[in-house]
Amino acid sequence: MNKYELAVVVSAGVDDEQKTAAVDKCKALIERFGGTVTNVDDWGKKKLAYEIEKQTEGFYYFIHFDAEPTAPAEIEHRVRIVDNVIRYLCVRSDEA
C-alpha cells in the first residue's frame, strides 16, 4: 500500500450540501477501489491562479489515503465526472 493525496477544487458557486456531496463522492471512490481515507484537509475558499470555467475562486480539499498502485488511475478517471469538481490531482506522498 502506498500513500497518496487527492487534491480537489470544488466550484465556489455551490452551497454547503453540494460541497459535502462532492467530497463524499471522492471519498467513496477511494474506498470503492480498495483505498482507505486517512485524513481530509479543508483549506476553504481560495483564489484560483487562473480563471476556470469563468470562476476565480474555489474550495480546496486535500484527501490523504492509502491504496494499491493501480487505484489512483481509476480514481482520477472517475473524479473527472463528479459534479462541481472543477480541478483534481492525485499524487503519491513520499515519506520524508
Protein backbone atom coordinates (compact mmCIF):
# COMPACT_ATOMS: atom_id res chain seq x y z
CA MET A 1 0.00 0.00 0.00
CA ASN A 2 1.26 3.45 -0.93
CA LYS A 3 0.29 6.83 0.49
CA TYR A 4 -1.49 9.24 -1.87
CA GLU A 5 -3.02 12.69 -1.79
CA LEU A 6 -6.01 13.70 -3.88
CA ALA A 7 -6.36 17.48 -4.30
CA VAL A 8 -9.86 18.55 -5.30
CA VAL A 9 -11.10 22.04 -6.18
CA VAL A 10 -14.87 22.38 -5.82
CA SER A 11 -16.78 25.19 -7.53
CA ALA A 12 -17.27 28.27 -5.33
CA GLY A 13 -20.82 28.78 -6.61
CA VAL A 14 -22.35 25.86 -4.71
CA ASP A 15 -23.88 25.54 -1.25
CA ASP A 16 -22.53 23.54 1.69
CA GLU A 17 -24.57 20.42 0.89
CA GLN A 18 -23.22 20.25 -2.65
CA LYS A 19 -19.62 20.77 -1.45
CA THR A 20 -20.01 17.99 1.09
CA ALA A 21 -21.61 15.72 -1.51
CA ALA A 22 -18.71 16.23 -3.95
CA VAL A 23 -16.10 15.44 -1.28
CA ASP A 24 -18.10 12.42 -0.08
CA LYS A 25 -18.25 11.09 -3.65
CA CYS A 26 -14.47 11.40 -3.92
CA LYS A 27 -14.01 9.55 -0.61
CA ALA A 28 -16.45 6.85 -1.77
CA LEU A 29 -14.47 6.39 -4.98
CA ILE A 30 -11.27 5.91 -2.98
CA GLU A 31 -12.93 3.26 -0.82
CA ARG A 32 -14.52 1.61 -3.86
CA PHE A 33 -11.09 0.94 -5.36
CA GLY A 34 -9.63 -0.52 -2.16
CA GLY A 35 -8.19 2.61 -0.57
CA THR A 36 -8.58 3.82 2.99
CA VAL A 37 -9.03 7.54 3.68
CA THR A 38 -6.69 8.67 6.46
CA ASN A 39 -7.30 12.43 6.54
CA VAL A 40 -9.28 15.20 4.81
CA ASP A 41 -7.89 18.75 4.92
CA ASP A 42 -10.37 21.53 4.18
CA TRP A 43 -8.47 24.64 3.11
CA GLY A 44 -11.63 26.65 2.47
CA LYS A 45 -12.24 29.17 -0.29
CA LYS A 46 -9.12 30.34 -2.12
CA LYS A 47 -8.46 32.46 -5.18
CA LEU A 48 -7.58 30.39 -8.24
CA ALA A 49 -4.30 31.05 -10.04
CA TYR A 50 -6.26 31.48 -13.28
CA GLU A 51 -9.89 31.54 -14.31
CA ILE A 52 -11.51 28.10 -14.68
CA GLU A 53 -14.99 27.83 -16.21
CA LYS A 54 -15.42 31.61 -15.69
CA GLN A 55 -14.73 31.25 -11.95
CA THR A 56 -11.96 32.93 -9.99
CA GLU A 57 -12.41 31.14 -6.63
CA GLY A 58 -12.83 27.56 -5.44
CA PHE A 59 -12.96 25.42 -2.31
CA TYR A 60 -9.81 23.35 -1.82
CA TYR A 61 -9.82 19.87 -0.27
CA PHE A 62 -6.87 17.52 0.20
CA ILE A 63 -7.81 13.88 0.79
CA HIS A 64 -4.98 11.67 2.10
CA PHE A 65 -5.38 7.93 1.57
CA ASP A 66 -3.58 4.59 1.37
CA ALA A 67 -4.12 2.40 -1.70
CA GLU A 68 -2.59 -0.05 -4.12
CA PRO A 69 -0.54 1.40 -7.04
CA THR A 70 -3.34 0.77 -9.57
CA ALA A 71 -6.01 2.71 -7.65
CA PRO A 72 -5.04 6.35 -8.41
CA ALA A 73 -5.55 5.97 -12.16
CA GLU A 74 -9.04 4.53 -11.62
CA ILE A 75 -9.88 7.21 -9.04
CA GLU A 76 -8.79 10.06 -11.33
CA HIS A 77 -10.76 8.53 -14.18
CA ARG A 78 -13.94 8.64 -12.06
CA VAL A 79 -13.34 12.00 -10.29
CA ARG A 80 -13.30 13.64 -13.71
CA ILE A 81 -17.11 13.35 -13.90
CA VAL A 82 -18.04 14.23 -10.29
CA ASP A 83 -20.42 17.21 -10.24
CA ASN A 84 -19.00 20.57 -9.10
CA VAL A 85 -15.35 19.40 -9.15
CA ILE A 86 -13.51 21.81 -11.44
CA ARG A 87 -9.94 20.53 -10.91
CA TYR A 88 -8.29 17.49 -9.31
CA LEU A 89 -4.86 15.93 -8.97
CA CYS A 90 -3.75 12.71 -7.37
CA VAL A 91 -0.09 12.37 -6.34
CA ARG A 92 1.92 9.86 -4.36
CA SER A 93 3.10 11.15 -0.98
CA ASP A 94 6.68 10.12 -0.27
CA GLU A 95 7.84 9.53 3.27
CA ALA A 96 10.09 12.45 4.24
